Amino acid sequence: MTIAGTHPRALSRHPAPGPVGRLLPSRAATSWPDHLDRLGPLPDTSPAQVIGLVDAAGLTGRGGAGFPTARKLAAVDAARRTTRRPAVVVVNCCEGDTTSAKDRVLVDRSPQLVVDGALAAAAAVGADRVVFAAHQGSAGPAALHRALSERPAPAPMVDIAAVPRRYLASEATSLVRLLNTGDARPTGRLTPIWRDGVDHRPTLVANAETLAHLALIARFGAEWFASVGSPAEPGTALLTLGGAVARPGVVEAATDVPIGALLARAGAPPTGWALVGGLGGRWVELHSSAEIPLGPSDLGTGVPRGVGSIVVLPPDTCLLVETARILQHQAAAGARQCGPCMFGLPAIAADLADLVAGDRDALGRLRRRLPIIDGRGGCGHPDGTVALAASALSAVATRQPGHLEWHIGGRTCRPSATVPLGPAPAGSGP
């Protein structure tokens, strides 16, 4: 939708991109000359202006949590002023969740835009160091090296960090810990990295897509950004569509586009189940959710977008079998630093496997364990896994009660392997 009463007010003299194709133009703009030809240079705006524009635009983080970006910028800037130490910006270009490919595609097709956003954020929070974090062995480091080599030398020190290809290695506190100690495991959800992060300095960790949006807002203004999308979360978002779809891949869409319309473009069946939001996401019944858009994780409206992925199950695939497979992966992917991760996740993974195999008592064990684990982990990993398990049980109980009885009665379904999980997790070491 277009928000009534708004008019694009470009801060750049260059023409603004259309409603879509903002982040992913039809012709990739990887080189510095192509990038400037498409969007022009970043305008000369003050740090306060950048934060104000991002706040007015309503930009939220696109890494999964949906936190207001202006609040993160302001918190880091305030900590920098209080501590009198320059800040650090960490650009998360990793694809920690195996269902998502959006940031990998973004860095491949629009690396200069990501760099622009990082440098604009660095100026806004007073950072003298920018670190681009990308997975070891991926194409990201090479693409970023090429992009940086073509540009004028930036004012802050810029480097690229290689991140292990593990599920939790790219979590925000994991990245800070990696840069400080070489150990890529979370340090806890209460760790104030905005005040005490890399080198004990105020640190902004932001997703690559989020910073690419910031670069566009700095050029074309808040009203232009909010001219598409929903009032609760303006703009566009990158989404990875996979599973039983005829045309899988990464698409850019306004945030108010319903699930049904997104999947119809990808050639998905109109009925069945889809995993939305990644390995810590939710199961959604396609027919009943066709008119619902994806939304921020914290608003309670629509379906939480999470990491921005939708994986459609083939017809007649057993939801419980697929969830049991994911839970086994998630139990092995934990950092093993707290009780819920070390003991809780393996327990619920075993319970769901037992339920699938016909253990009548497993359902009761799951219903007792899930509330005990939820909210008690050192990071959000146990919470996401619990939410996925609870979503599967609720979906089957409300939409397929006969199928739940099928399993409790000792009957089984054929194996399933639709949701991409990648190689087995490599363990908890650095």
Protein backbone atom coordinates (compact mmCIF):
# COMPACT_ATOMS: atom_id res chain seq x y z
CA MET A 1 0.00 0.00 0.00
CA THR A 2 1.03 3.64 -0.37
CA ILE A 3 0.60 5.76 2.73
CA ALA A 4 -1.84 8.56 2.05
CA GLY A 5 -0.57 12.10 2.26
CA THR A 6 3.12 11.35 1.85
CA HIS A 7 5.31 12.60 -0.94
CA PRO A 8 8.87 11.49 -1.66
CA ARG A 9 11.36 14.14 -0.59
CA ALA A 10 14.73 13.12 -1.94
CA LEU A 11 17.85 14.43 -0.25
CA SER A 12 19.80 13.31 -3.32
CA ARG A 13 19.53 14.88 -6.75
CA HIS A 14 19.43 11.41 -8.27
CA PRO A 15 16.07 9.81 -9.17
CA ALA A 16 14.74 7.63 -6.36
CA PRO A 17 14.14 3.91 -7.05
CA GLY A 18 10.58 2.75 -7.62
CA PRO A 19 8.34 1.01 -5.08
CA VAL A 20 10.31 -2.25 -5.36
CA GLY A 21 13.79 -2.99 -6.64
CA ARG A 22 15.20 -0.64 -4.05
CA LEU A 23 17.70 -3.12 -2.65
CA LEU A 24 17.82 -5.57 -5.54
CA PRO A 25 17.72 -3.67 -8.85
CA SER A 26 16.90 -5.62 -11.99
CA ARG A 27 20.49 -5.01 -13.11
CA ALA A 28 23.00 -5.70 -10.36
CA ALA A 29 25.00 -2.61 -9.36
CA THR A 30 28.14 -4.22 -7.98
CA SER A 31 30.80 -1.81 -9.21
CA TRP A 32 31.39 1.63 -7.73
CA PRO A 33 30.65 3.47 -11.02
CA ASP A 34 27.43 1.49 -11.58
CA HIS A 35 26.36 2.18 -8.02
CA LEU A 36 26.92 5.91 -8.37
CA ASP A 37 25.17 5.93 -11.73
CA ARG A 38 22.13 4.29 -10.17
CA LEU A 39 21.85 6.13 -6.85
CA GLY A 40 24.40 8.93 -6.77
CA PRO A 41 26.68 9.62 -3.78
CA LEU A 42 25.50 9.78 -0.20
CA PRO A 43 24.43 13.35 0.59
CA ASP A 44 26.29 15.38 3.18
CA THR A 45 24.06 14.99 6.25
CA SER A 46 24.96 15.37 9.91
CA PRO A 47 24.88 12.39 12.32
CA ALA A 48 21.83 13.84 14.06
CA GLN A 49 20.07 14.19 10.71
CA VAL A 50 20.74 10.57 9.82
CA ILE A 51 19.34 9.29 13.12
CA GLY A 52 16.36 11.62 12.77
CA LEU A 53 15.64 10.40 9.24
CA VAL A 54 15.85 6.75 10.28
CA ASP A 55 13.52 7.45 13.21
CA ALA A 56 11.00 9.28 11.02
CA ALA A 57 11.16 6.48 8.44
CA GLY A 58 10.24 3.86 11.04
CA LEU A 59 13.03 1.51 9.93
CA THR A 60 13.21 -1.69 11.95
CA GLY A 61 15.97 -4.26 11.94
CA ARG A 62 15.74 -6.88 9.21
CA GLY A 63 17.88 -9.46 10.97
CA GLY A 64 15.00 -11.12 12.81
CA ALA A 65 14.11 -9.18 15.95
CA GLY A 66 12.54 -6.13 14.25
CA PHE A 67 13.99 -3.65 16.79
CA PRO A 68 13.72 0.07 15.85
CA THR A 69 16.99 0.98 14.18
CA ALA A 70 16.98 4.61 15.30
CA ARG A 71 16.87 3.50 18.94
CA LYS A 72 19.95 1.32 18.43
CA LEU A 73 21.80 4.17 16.74
CA ALA A 74 20.85 6.63 19.47
CA ALA A 75 21.85 4.23 22.27
CA VAL A 76 25.29 3.62 20.78
CA ASP A 77 25.80 7.33 20.14
CA ALA A 78 24.80 8.18 23.71
CA ALA A 79 27.17 5.53 25.09
CA ARG A 80 29.95 6.91 22.92
CA ARG A 81 29.39 10.37 24.37
CA THR A 82 29.26 9.05 27.93
CA THR A 83 32.32 6.82 27.70
CA ARG A 84 34.22 9.23 25.41
CA ARG A 85 35.38 6.24 23.41
CA PRO A 86 34.76 5.95 19.65
CA ALA A 87 32.17 3.38 18.68
CA VAL A 88 32.48 0.30 16.48
CA VAL A 89 30.02 -0.78 13.77
CA VAL A 90 29.68 -4.51 13.00
CA VAL A 91 27.82 -5.33 9.78
CA ASN A 92 26.26 -8.79 10.00
CA CYS A 93 26.44 -10.21 6.48
CA CYS A 94 26.15 -13.79 7.69
CA GLU A 95 23.29 -16.16 6.91
CA GLY A 96 23.07 -18.01 10.21
CA ASP A 97 19.65 -19.49 9.50
CA THR A 98 19.76 -22.12 6.77
CA THR A 99 16.32 -21.18 5.44
CA SER A 100 17.46 -17.67 4.46
CA ALA A 101 19.65 -16.45 1.61
CA LYS A 102 18.65 -12.77 1.52
CA ASP A 103 21.81 -11.21 2.89
CA ARG A 104 24.01 -13.41 0.72
CA VAL A 105 22.09 -12.26 -2.36
CA LEU A 106 22.14 -8.63 -1.22
CA VAL A 107 25.92 -8.60 -0.75
CA ASP A 108 26.34 -10.31 -4.11
CA ARG A 109 24.11 -7.87 -6.04
CA SER A 110 24.34 -4.60 -4.10
CA PRO A 111 27.55 -4.66 -2.05
CA GLN A 112 28.17 -0.94 -2.48
CA LEU A 113 24.80 -0.16 -0.94
CA VAL A 114 25.66 -2.23 2.14
CA VAL A 115 29.00 -0.42 2.43
CA ASP A 116 27.22 2.94 2.11
CA GLY A 117 24.88 2.03 4.95
CA ALA A 118 27.73 0.91 7.16
CA LEU A 119 29.66 4.14 6.62
CA ALA A 120 26.56 6.27 7.18
CA ALA A 121 25.85 4.40 10.43
CA ALA A 122 29.48 4.81 11.50
CA ALA A 123 29.24 8.56 11.01
CA ALA A 124 25.94 8.66 12.91
CA VAL A 125 27.30 6.92 16.02
CA GLY A 126 30.85 8.30 15.94
CA ALA A 127 32.58 5.04 15.02
CA ASP A 128 36.20 4.88 13.91
CA ARG A 129 36.05 1.18 13.01
CA VAL A 130 33.70 -0.82 10.76
CA VAL A 131 33.82 -4.62 10.62
CA PHE A 132 31.99 -6.59 7.95
CA ALA A 133 31.26 -10.08 9.32
CA ALA A 134 30.80 -12.80 6.68
CA HIS A 135 30.88 -16.56 6.80
CA GLN A 136 34.08 -18.47 6.14
CA GLY A 137 34.12 -20.00 2.69
CA SER A 138 31.24 -17.88 1.39
CA ALA A 139 31.36 -15.46 -1.52
CA GLY A 140 30.68 -12.53 0.82
CA PRO A 141 34.27 -11.63 1.82
CA ALA A 142 35.44 -11.49 -1.80
CA ALA A 143 32.45 -9.37 -2.89
CA LEU A 144 33.04 -6.94 -0.02
CA HIS A 145 36.80 -6.77 -0.70
CA ARG A 146 36.09 -5.86 -4.35
CA ALA A 147 33.53 -3.25 -3.36
CA LEU A 148 35.85 -1.61 -0.85
CA SER A 149 38.84 -1.66 -3.22
CA GLU A 150 36.94 0.38 -5.83
CA ARG A 151 35.90 3.16 -3.47
CA PRO A 152 37.77 6.14 -2.07
CA ALA A 153 39.41 5.19 1.22
CA PRO A 154 36.78 5.53 3.99
CA ALA A 155 37.44 7.63 7.10
CA PRO A 156 36.93 4.80 9.61
CA MET A 157 39.18 1.76 9.65
CA VAL A 158 37.41 -1.03 7.74
CA ASP A 159 38.09 -4.75 7.87
CA ILE A 160 36.33 -8.04 7.12
CA ALA A 161 36.00 -10.80 9.70
CA ALA A 162 35.52 -14.48 8.84
CA VAL A 163 32.77 -16.10 10.92
CA PRO A 164 32.42 -19.88 11.47
CA ARG A 165 29.51 -21.49 9.63
CA ARG A 166 27.55 -22.37 12.74
CA TYR A 167 23.97 -21.48 13.60
CA LEU A 168 24.71 -19.23 16.59
CA ALA A 169 28.09 -17.88 15.46
CA SER A 170 26.48 -14.83 13.83
CA GLU A 171 24.26 -13.89 16.79
CA ALA A 172 25.08 -10.30 17.82
CA THR A 173 26.92 -11.08 21.07
CA SER A 174 28.67 -14.01 19.34
CA LEU A 175 30.13 -11.62 16.78
CA VAL A 176 31.37 -9.29 19.51
CA ARG A 177 32.88 -12.21 21.42
CA LEU A 178 34.50 -13.53 18.24
CA LEU A 179 36.16 -10.19 17.53
CA ASN A 180 37.33 -9.88 21.13
CA THR A 181 38.45 -13.44 21.88
CA GLY A 182 38.07 -15.64 18.78
CA ASP A 183 35.21 -17.60 20.41
CA ALA A 184 32.01 -17.27 18.35
CA ARG A 185 29.43 -18.13 21.00
CA PRO A 186 26.75 -15.91 22.58
CA THR A 187 27.61 -14.05 25.76
CA GLY A 188 24.00 -13.69 26.88
CA ARG A 189 20.90 -11.75 25.99
CA LEU A 190 21.56 -9.14 28.71
CA THR A 191 25.06 -8.28 27.50
CA PRO A 192 25.04 -4.50 26.82
CA ILE A 193 27.11 -4.52 23.63
CA TRP A 194 25.74 -1.09 22.74
CA ARG A 195 27.83 0.19 25.67
CA ASP A 196 30.53 -2.46 26.17
CA GLY A 197 31.16 -4.38 22.96
CA VAL A 198 34.15 -4.77 20.64
CA ASP A 199 37.32 -3.70 22.51
CA HIS A 200 34.96 -2.70 25.36
CA ARG A 201 33.69 0.15 23.23
CA PRO A 202 30.09 1.08 22.32
CA THR A 203 29.15 -1.22 19.45
CA LEU A 204 26.38 -1.24 16.87
CA VAL A 205 25.68 -4.67 15.38
CA ALA A 206 23.30 -4.33 12.44
CA ASN A 207 22.11 -6.63 9.69
CA ALA A 208 23.32 -5.98 6.13
CA GLU A 209 19.79 -5.43 4.83
CA THR A 210 19.02 -2.96 7.62
CA LEU A 211 22.05 -0.84 6.72
CA ALA A 212 21.25 -0.99 3.02
CA HIS A 213 17.85 0.53 3.83
CA LEU A 214 19.60 3.17 5.96
CA ALA A 215 21.74 4.16 2.98
CA LEU A 216 18.62 4.69 0.87
CA ILE A 217 16.86 6.68 3.61
CA ALA A 218 19.92 8.93 3.90
CA ARG A 219 19.61 9.64 0.15
CA PHE A 220 15.88 9.89 -0.45
CA GLY A 221 14.30 10.67 2.90
CA ALA A 222 11.84 9.19 5.36
CA GLU A 223 8.71 9.98 3.37
CA TRP A 224 10.04 8.20 0.30
CA PHE A 225 10.93 5.12 2.38
CA ALA A 226 7.48 5.01 4.00
CA SER A 227 5.61 5.51 0.71
CA VAL A 228 5.26 1.71 0.52
CA GLY A 229 4.64 -0.90 3.18
CA SER A 230 2.51 -0.95 6.28
CA PRO A 231 2.22 1.88 8.84
CA ALA A 232 3.50 -0.49 11.52
CA GLU A 233 6.60 -1.33 9.50
CA PRO A 234 7.17 0.84 6.44
CA GLY A 235 9.33 0.03 3.45
CA THR A 236 10.27 -3.17 1.69
CA ALA A 237 11.86 -6.37 2.91
CA LEU A 238 13.89 -9.16 1.37
CA LEU A 239 12.31 -12.62 1.59
CA THR A 240 13.66 -16.06 0.80
CA LEU A 241 11.01 -18.38 -0.69
CA GLY A 242 11.77 -22.09 -0.82
CA GLY A 243 10.49 -25.62 -0.47
CA ALA A 244 7.57 -26.69 -2.67
CA VAL A 245 7.57 -23.61 -4.92
CA ALA A 246 8.14 -23.53 -8.67
CA ARG A 247 10.35 -20.43 -8.54
CA PRO A 248 12.43 -20.42 -5.34
CA GLY A 249 14.74 -17.54 -4.55
CA VAL A 250 15.04 -14.14 -2.88
CA VAL A 251 12.46 -11.44 -3.63
CA GLU A 252 11.95 -7.87 -2.48
CA ALA A 253 8.41 -6.88 -1.54
CA ALA A 254 6.58 -4.17 0.34
CA THR A 255 5.98 -5.18 3.95
CA ASP A 256 2.19 -5.18 3.56
CA VAL A 257 2.05 -7.79 0.76
CA PRO A 258 0.05 -10.82 2.01
CA ILE A 259 1.61 -14.26 2.29
CA GLY A 260 -0.70 -15.66 -0.37
CA ALA A 261 0.36 -13.08 -2.95
CA LEU A 262 4.05 -13.65 -2.23
CA LEU A 263 3.77 -17.40 -2.62
CA ALA A 264 1.51 -17.21 -5.68
CA ARG A 265 4.27 -15.33 -7.51
CA ALA A 266 6.66 -18.12 -6.58
CA GLY A 267 4.29 -20.82 -7.84
CA ALA A 268 3.44 -22.34 -4.45
CA PRO A 269 0.34 -24.48 -3.88
CA PRO A 270 -2.56 -22.54 -2.30
CA THR A 271 -3.04 -25.03 0.54
CA GLY A 272 -0.78 -26.86 2.93
CA TRP A 273 1.80 -25.74 5.47
CA ALA A 274 4.76 -23.38 5.43
CA LEU A 275 7.50 -22.60 7.92
CA VAL A 276 7.69 -18.80 8.26
CA GLY A 277 10.52 -16.93 9.92
CA GLY A 278 13.28 -19.50 9.94
CA LEU A 279 14.26 -22.40 12.18
CA GLY A 280 12.92 -20.51 15.19
CA GLY A 281 9.77 -19.46 13.33
CA ARG A 282 6.17 -20.66 13.13
CA TRP A 283 4.11 -23.08 11.08
CA VAL A 284 1.40 -21.37 9.04
CA GLU A 285 -1.57 -22.95 7.26
CA LEU A 286 -1.51 -21.38 3.81
CA HIS A 287 -5.21 -21.21 2.99
CA SER A 288 -6.25 -19.53 6.25
CA SER A 289 -3.26 -17.15 6.23
CA ALA A 290 -3.30 -16.12 2.57
CA GLU A 291 -4.43 -12.53 3.29
CA ILE A 292 -2.11 -11.94 6.24
CA PRO A 293 1.14 -10.02 5.69
CA LEU A 294 4.38 -10.79 7.44
CA GLY A 295 5.22 -8.34 10.20
CA PRO A 296 7.72 -7.36 12.90
CA SER A 297 8.30 -9.93 15.60
CA ASP A 298 7.26 -7.68 18.48
CA LEU A 299 3.94 -6.21 17.33
CA GLY A 300 1.71 -9.25 17.64
CA THR A 301 0.08 -8.48 14.30
CA GLY A 302 0.24 -10.63 11.19
CA VAL A 303 2.76 -13.45 11.05
CA PRO A 304 6.22 -12.68 12.49
CA ARG A 305 8.70 -12.41 9.60
CA GLY A 306 11.71 -13.45 11.67
CA VAL A 307 14.71 -13.94 9.38
CA GLY A 308 12.55 -13.32 6.31
CA SER A 309 12.05 -16.83 4.95
CA ILE A 310 9.10 -18.98 3.92
CA VAL A 311 9.58 -22.70 3.29
CA VAL A 312 6.52 -24.45 1.82
CA LEU A 313 6.02 -28.15 2.58
CA PRO A 314 5.01 -30.47 -0.28
CA PRO A 315 1.44 -31.84 -0.13
CA ASP A 316 0.92 -34.73 2.30
CA THR A 317 4.12 -33.98 4.21
CA CYS A 318 3.82 -34.69 7.93
CA LEU A 319 4.28 -31.53 9.97
CA LEU A 320 5.38 -33.46 13.05
CA VAL A 321 8.00 -35.48 11.19
CA GLU A 322 9.51 -32.35 9.65
CA THR A 323 9.49 -30.53 13.00
CA ALA A 324 11.14 -33.48 14.74
CA ARG A 325 13.92 -33.32 12.17
CA ILE A 326 14.41 -29.59 12.75
CA LEU A 327 14.43 -30.01 16.54
CA GLN A 328 17.19 -32.61 16.32
CA HIS A 329 19.25 -30.11 14.32
CA GLN A 330 18.53 -27.25 16.72
CA ALA A 331 19.40 -29.34 19.76
CA ALA A 332 22.81 -30.09 18.22
CA ALA A 333 23.32 -26.47 17.10
CA GLY A 334 23.26 -24.92 20.56
CA ALA A 335 26.25 -23.30 22.25
CA ARG A 336 25.91 -25.59 25.30
CA GLN A 337 26.51 -22.84 27.81
CA CYS A 338 23.25 -23.00 29.79
CA GLY A 339 20.85 -25.65 31.06
CA PRO A 340 18.05 -25.07 28.55
CA CYS A 341 20.52 -25.46 25.68
CA MET A 342 22.48 -28.38 27.15
CA PHE A 343 19.57 -30.43 28.49
CA GLY A 344 16.24 -28.86 27.55
CA LEU A 345 16.56 -28.84 23.77
CA PRO A 346 17.84 -32.44 23.49
CA ALA A 347 14.96 -33.49 25.76
CA ILE A 348 12.19 -31.91 23.68
CA ALA A 349 13.84 -33.14 20.47
CA ALA A 350 13.75 -36.67 21.88
CA ASP A 351 10.16 -36.22 23.06
CA LEU A 352 8.94 -35.13 19.63
CA ALA A 353 10.82 -38.00 17.97
CA ASP A 354 9.14 -40.38 20.43
CA LEU A 355 5.72 -38.86 19.66
CA VAL A 356 6.29 -39.32 15.94
CA ALA A 357 7.22 -42.94 16.65
CA GLY A 358 4.00 -43.52 18.59
CA ASP A 359 4.91 -42.90 22.24
CA ARG A 360 1.59 -41.97 23.84
CA ASP A 361 3.23 -40.30 26.85
CA ALA A 362 5.53 -38.08 24.79
CA LEU A 363 2.83 -35.47 24.19
CA GLY A 364 2.39 -34.92 27.91
CA ARG A 365 6.14 -34.65 28.43
CA LEU A 366 6.39 -32.03 25.71
CA ARG A 367 3.57 -29.97 27.16
CA ARG A 368 5.26 -29.99 30.56
CA ARG A 369 8.76 -29.23 29.30
CA LEU A 370 8.13 -26.47 26.79
CA PRO A 371 6.99 -23.77 29.30
CA ILE A 372 9.89 -24.64 31.62
CA ILE A 373 12.52 -24.03 28.92
CA ASP A 374 10.96 -20.93 27.38
CA GLY A 375 12.60 -17.65 28.45
CA ARG A 376 15.31 -19.24 30.59
CA GLY A 377 18.16 -19.63 28.10
CA GLY A 378 21.27 -17.51 27.97
CA CYS A 379 20.30 -16.39 24.44
CA GLY A 380 17.21 -16.62 22.25
CA HIS A 381 18.07 -20.00 20.70
CA PRO A 382 16.07 -22.14 23.18
CA ASP A 383 13.10 -19.77 22.93
CA GLY A 384 12.95 -20.04 19.15
CA THR A 385 13.16 -23.83 19.25
CA VAL A 386 10.44 -24.02 21.88
CA ALA A 387 8.24 -21.70 19.81
CA LEU A 388 8.67 -23.91 16.75
CA ALA A 389 7.77 -27.07 18.70
CA ALA A 390 4.75 -25.39 20.29
CA SER A 391 3.65 -24.09 16.90
CA ALA A 392 3.75 -27.59 15.41
CA LEU A 393 1.75 -29.11 18.27
CA SER A 394 -0.83 -26.33 18.12
CA ALA A 395 -1.14 -26.56 14.34
CA VAL A 396 -1.67 -30.31 14.35
CA ALA A 397 -4.01 -30.26 17.36
CA THR A 398 -6.27 -27.55 15.90
CA ARG A 399 -6.07 -28.29 12.17
CA GLN A 400 -5.26 -32.01 12.02
CA PRO A 401 -6.49 -33.61 15.27
CA GLY A 402 -6.98 -36.93 13.53
CA HIS A 403 -3.37 -36.92 12.44
CA LEU A 404 -2.17 -36.41 16.01
CA GLU A 405 -4.21 -39.44 17.04
CA TRP A 406 -2.64 -41.31 14.14
CA HIS A 407 0.80 -40.90 15.70
CA ILE A 408 -0.37 -41.51 19.26
CA GLY A 409 -1.93 -44.73 17.99
CA GLY A 410 1.48 -45.95 16.90
CA ARG A 411 1.23 -45.28 13.18
CA THR A 412 4.03 -43.47 11.36
CA CYS A 413 4.52 -41.18 8.36
CA ARG A 414 7.16 -41.25 5.69
CA PRO A 415 10.41 -39.34 6.32
CA SER A 416 10.58 -35.71 5.20
CA ALA A 417 13.50 -33.42 4.39
CA THR A 418 12.11 -30.19 2.95
CA VAL A 419 13.43 -27.49 5.28
CA PRO A 420 17.15 -26.93 4.44
CA LEU A 421 19.35 -27.66 7.44
CA GLY A 422 22.80 -27.89 5.87
CA PRO A 423 25.53 -30.05 7.37
CA ALA A 424 25.29 -31.36 10.91
CA PRO A 425 26.27 -28.70 13.48
CA ALA A 426 29.97 -28.81 14.27
CA GLY A 427 29.63 -28.46 18.02
CA SER A 428 30.10 -25.71 20.58
CA GLY A 429 33.79 -24.86 20.32
CA PRO A 430 35.15 -21.61 18.93
